[in-house]
N, C-alpha and C. Protein backbone atom coordinates (compact mmCIF):
# COMPACT_ATOMS: atom_id res chain seq x y z
N UNK A 1 0.85 -1.19 0.00
CA UNK A 1 0.00 0.00 0.00
C UNK A 1 0.89 1.24 0.00
N UNK A 2 0.54 2.20 -0.81
CA UNK A 2 1.32 3.43 -0.95
C UNK A 2 0.81 4.48 0.04
N UNK A 3 1.72 5.17 0.69
CA UNK A 3 1.32 6.19 1.66
C UNK A 3 0.92 7.47 0.94
N UNK A 4 0.27 8.36 1.64
CA UNK A 4 -0.14 9.63 1.05
C UNK A 4 1.07 10.45 0.64
N UNK A 5 2.14 10.40 1.42
CA UNK A 5 3.36 11.14 1.09
C UNK A 5 4.00 10.60 -0.18
N UNK A 6 4.04 9.27 -0.31
CA UNK A 6 4.59 8.67 -1.53
C UNK A 6 3.74 9.04 -2.74
N UNK A 7 2.43 9.03 -2.58
CA UNK A 7 1.53 9.41 -3.66
C UNK A 7 1.75 10.87 -4.06
N UNK A 8 1.94 11.72 -3.07
CA UNK A 8 2.21 13.14 -3.33
C UNK A 8 3.48 13.29 -4.16
N UNK A 9 4.55 12.63 -3.77
CA UNK A 9 5.82 12.72 -4.50
C UNK A 9 5.70 12.14 -5.91
N UNK A 10 4.94 11.07 -6.07
CA UNK A 10 4.72 10.50 -7.39
C UNK A 10 3.98 11.49 -8.29
N UNK A 11 2.99 12.17 -7.74
CA UNK A 11 2.25 13.17 -8.52
C UNK A 11 3.15 14.33 -8.93
N UNK A 12 3.98 14.80 -8.01
CA UNK A 12 4.91 15.89 -8.31
C UNK A 12 5.89 15.45 -9.39
N UNK A 13 6.44 14.27 -9.26
CA UNK A 13 7.38 13.77 -10.28
C UNK A 13 6.70 13.63 -11.63
N UNK A 14 5.47 13.18 -11.65
CA UNK A 14 4.72 13.06 -12.90
C UNK A 14 4.53 14.42 -13.54
N UNK A 15 4.14 15.42 -12.74
CA UNK A 15 3.95 16.77 -13.27
C UNK A 15 5.25 17.35 -13.81
N UNK A 16 6.34 17.14 -13.11
CA UNK A 16 7.64 17.64 -13.57
C UNK A 16 8.02 16.97 -14.88
N UNK A 17 7.87 15.65 -14.95
CA UNK A 17 8.21 14.93 -16.17
C UNK A 17 7.42 15.44 -17.36
N UNK A 18 6.10 15.51 -17.23
CA UNK A 18 5.26 15.91 -18.37
C UNK A 18 5.43 17.38 -18.73
N UNK A 19 5.72 18.23 -17.77
CA UNK A 19 5.95 19.63 -18.11
C UNK A 19 7.27 19.79 -18.86
N UNK A 20 8.25 18.93 -18.58
CA UNK A 20 9.53 19.00 -19.27
C UNK A 20 9.42 18.50 -20.71
N UNK A 21 8.56 17.53 -20.96
CA UNK A 21 8.42 17.03 -22.32
C UNK A 21 7.39 17.84 -23.12
N UNK A 22 6.79 18.80 -22.48
CA UNK A 22 5.89 19.70 -23.19
C UNK A 22 4.45 19.26 -23.26
N UNK A 23 4.08 18.22 -22.54
CA UNK A 23 2.70 17.76 -22.58
C UNK A 23 1.78 18.70 -21.82
N UNK A 24 2.30 19.34 -20.79
CA UNK A 24 1.52 20.33 -20.06
C UNK A 24 2.04 21.70 -20.45
N UNK A 25 1.24 22.47 -21.13
CA UNK A 25 1.67 23.78 -21.59
C UNK A 25 1.00 24.84 -20.73
N UNK A 26 1.79 25.78 -20.30
CA UNK A 26 1.25 26.89 -19.53
C UNK A 26 0.64 27.88 -20.52
N UNK A 27 -0.38 28.58 -20.10
CA UNK A 27 -1.02 29.55 -20.99
C UNK A 27 -0.12 30.78 -21.10
N UNK A 28 0.41 31.00 -22.27
CA UNK A 28 1.27 32.15 -22.52
C UNK A 28 0.55 33.20 -23.33
N UNK A 29 -0.71 32.99 -23.60
CA UNK A 29 -1.47 33.93 -24.40
C UNK A 29 -1.37 33.62 -25.89
N UNK A 30 -0.43 32.80 -26.30
CA UNK A 30 -0.26 32.47 -27.70
C UNK A 30 -1.23 31.38 -28.16
N UNK A 31 -1.80 30.65 -27.20
CA UNK A 31 -2.69 29.55 -27.56
C UNK A 31 -4.10 30.04 -27.87
N UNK A 32 -4.37 31.31 -27.63
CA UNK A 32 -5.69 31.85 -27.90
C UNK A 32 -5.97 31.88 -29.39
N UNK A 33 -7.16 31.48 -29.76
CA UNK A 33 -7.55 31.49 -31.15
C UNK A 33 -7.82 32.92 -31.62
N UNK A 34 -8.42 33.72 -30.77
CA UNK A 34 -8.81 35.06 -31.15
C UNK A 34 -8.76 35.98 -29.93
N UNK A 35 -8.59 37.26 -30.16
CA UNK A 35 -8.66 38.23 -29.06
C UNK A 35 -10.10 38.63 -28.79
N UNK A 36 -11.01 38.14 -29.59
CA UNK A 36 -12.41 38.49 -29.46
C UNK A 36 -13.27 37.26 -29.14
N UNK A 37 -12.80 36.43 -28.21
CA UNK A 37 -13.55 35.22 -27.87
C UNK A 37 -14.77 35.57 -27.03
N UNK A 38 -15.73 34.68 -27.03
CA UNK A 38 -16.93 34.87 -26.21
C UNK A 38 -16.58 34.88 -24.72
N UNK A 39 -15.49 34.21 -24.34
CA UNK A 39 -15.09 34.16 -22.94
C UNK A 39 -14.75 35.55 -22.41
N UNK A 40 -14.34 36.44 -23.29
CA UNK A 40 -13.91 37.78 -22.87
C UNK A 40 -14.90 38.86 -23.30
N UNK A 41 -16.08 38.46 -23.73
CA UNK A 41 -17.08 39.40 -24.22
C UNK A 41 -18.04 39.78 -23.09
N UNK A 42 -18.44 41.05 -23.08
CA UNK A 42 -19.34 41.51 -22.02
C UNK A 42 -20.76 40.94 -22.17
N UNK A 43 -21.07 40.40 -23.33
CA UNK A 43 -22.40 39.83 -23.55
C UNK A 43 -22.49 38.34 -23.19
N UNK A 44 -21.40 37.73 -22.74
CA UNK A 44 -21.43 36.32 -22.35
C UNK A 44 -21.88 36.22 -20.90
N UNK A 45 -23.02 35.63 -20.68
CA UNK A 45 -23.58 35.45 -19.34
C UNK A 45 -23.28 34.03 -18.89
N UNK A 46 -22.40 33.88 -17.91
CA UNK A 46 -21.96 32.56 -17.47
C UNK A 46 -22.67 32.07 -16.21
N UNK A 47 -23.60 32.84 -15.68
CA UNK A 47 -24.22 32.46 -14.41
C UNK A 47 -25.30 31.38 -14.55
N UNK A 48 -25.66 31.03 -15.77
CA UNK A 48 -26.68 30.00 -15.98
C UNK A 48 -26.11 28.60 -15.89
N UNK A 49 -26.86 27.64 -16.35
CA UNK A 49 -26.43 26.24 -16.27
C UNK A 49 -25.78 25.76 -17.56
N UNK A 50 -25.72 26.62 -18.58
CA UNK A 50 -25.13 26.23 -19.86
C UNK A 50 -23.62 26.35 -19.78
N UNK A 51 -22.90 25.38 -20.34
CA UNK A 51 -21.44 25.34 -20.21
C UNK A 51 -20.76 26.52 -20.88
N UNK A 52 -21.16 26.88 -22.11
CA UNK A 52 -20.51 27.95 -22.83
C UNK A 52 -21.15 29.32 -22.59
N UNK A 53 -22.25 29.34 -21.87
CA UNK A 53 -22.91 30.58 -21.52
C UNK A 53 -23.99 30.99 -22.51
N UNK A 54 -24.59 32.13 -22.21
CA UNK A 54 -25.62 32.71 -23.05
C UNK A 54 -25.11 34.02 -23.62
N UNK A 55 -25.44 34.28 -24.88
CA UNK A 55 -25.13 35.56 -25.49
C UNK A 55 -26.31 36.47 -25.22
N UNK A 56 -26.07 37.58 -24.52
CA UNK A 56 -27.14 38.50 -24.14
C UNK A 56 -27.27 39.68 -25.10
N UNK A 57 -26.47 39.71 -26.15
CA UNK A 57 -26.49 40.82 -27.10
C UNK A 57 -27.88 41.00 -27.70
N UNK A 58 -28.52 39.92 -28.10
CA UNK A 58 -29.80 39.98 -28.80
C UNK A 58 -30.89 40.60 -27.94
N UNK A 59 -30.98 40.16 -26.69
CA UNK A 59 -32.01 40.70 -25.80
C UNK A 59 -31.73 42.16 -25.45
N UNK A 60 -30.46 42.50 -25.22
CA UNK A 60 -30.11 43.87 -24.85
C UNK A 60 -30.31 44.86 -26.00
N UNK A 61 -30.33 44.37 -27.22
CA UNK A 61 -30.53 45.24 -28.38
C UNK A 61 -31.91 45.05 -29.04
N UNK A 62 -32.83 44.39 -28.33
CA UNK A 62 -34.19 44.23 -28.82
C UNK A 62 -34.30 43.35 -30.06
N UNK A 63 -33.40 42.38 -30.21
CA UNK A 63 -33.39 41.51 -31.39
C UNK A 63 -33.84 40.09 -31.07
N UNK A 64 -34.46 39.89 -29.94
CA UNK A 64 -34.92 38.55 -29.57
C UNK A 64 -34.42 38.16 -28.19
N UNK A 65 -34.53 36.89 -27.89
CA UNK A 65 -34.12 36.36 -26.59
C UNK A 65 -32.62 36.05 -26.56
N UNK A 66 -32.09 35.87 -25.34
CA UNK A 66 -30.70 35.43 -25.18
C UNK A 66 -30.52 34.09 -25.89
N UNK A 67 -29.33 33.88 -26.45
CA UNK A 67 -29.08 32.64 -27.20
C UNK A 67 -27.92 31.88 -26.61
N UNK A 68 -28.04 30.55 -26.59
CA UNK A 68 -26.95 29.69 -26.14
C UNK A 68 -25.77 29.82 -27.10
N UNK A 69 -24.56 29.96 -26.55
CA UNK A 69 -23.37 30.09 -27.40
C UNK A 69 -22.93 28.70 -27.84
N UNK A 70 -22.84 28.47 -29.16
CA UNK A 70 -22.43 27.16 -29.66
C UNK A 70 -20.94 26.89 -29.42
N UNK A 71 -20.61 25.64 -29.29
CA UNK A 71 -19.23 25.20 -29.06
C UNK A 71 -18.28 25.73 -30.13
N UNK A 72 -18.72 25.74 -31.39
CA UNK A 72 -17.83 26.15 -32.47
C UNK A 72 -17.63 27.67 -32.54
N UNK A 73 -18.38 28.44 -31.78
CA UNK A 73 -18.25 29.89 -31.79
C UNK A 73 -17.51 30.42 -30.56
N UNK A 74 -17.62 29.75 -29.44
CA UNK A 74 -17.16 30.29 -28.16
C UNK A 74 -15.68 30.70 -28.16
N UNK A 75 -14.81 29.98 -28.85
CA UNK A 75 -13.39 30.32 -28.88
C UNK A 75 -13.03 31.28 -30.02
N UNK A 76 -13.97 31.54 -30.91
CA UNK A 76 -13.71 32.44 -32.04
C UNK A 76 -14.30 33.82 -31.83
N UNK A 77 -15.50 33.86 -31.25
CA UNK A 77 -16.20 35.12 -31.09
C UNK A 77 -17.05 35.43 -32.31
N UNK A 78 -17.67 36.61 -32.29
CA UNK A 78 -18.54 36.99 -33.42
C UNK A 78 -18.45 38.49 -33.63
N UNK A 79 -19.24 38.99 -34.57
CA UNK A 79 -19.17 40.41 -34.93
C UNK A 79 -19.75 41.33 -33.85
N UNK A 80 -20.44 40.79 -32.87
CA UNK A 80 -21.03 41.59 -31.81
C UNK A 80 -20.11 41.74 -30.59
N UNK A 81 -18.90 41.25 -30.67
CA UNK A 81 -17.98 41.25 -29.53
C UNK A 81 -17.74 42.66 -28.99
N UNK A 82 -17.79 42.77 -27.66
CA UNK A 82 -17.36 43.96 -26.95
C UNK A 82 -16.62 43.49 -25.70
N UNK A 83 -15.43 44.04 -25.43
CA UNK A 83 -14.64 43.57 -24.28
C UNK A 83 -15.36 43.87 -22.95
N UNK A 84 -15.09 43.03 -21.98
CA UNK A 84 -15.66 43.24 -20.63
C UNK A 84 -15.10 44.49 -20.01
């Protein structure tokens, strides 16, 4: 049976190994697909139960109800983007 301390050291060694071979990449800002992602838009409402959030642009501009942000759009953004 492995002790908690041994398990801790094994996890640290695993993290060190994989970070050295590049499997774990730190966010340097270069991995971003766009500077106008939905994640950084003031119209993305994340307080609901939807994973990618709701776009509130439509309701705030009288163009209909809030819309669920699709997976293929969330990292790209759209023409309605405004920074938070």
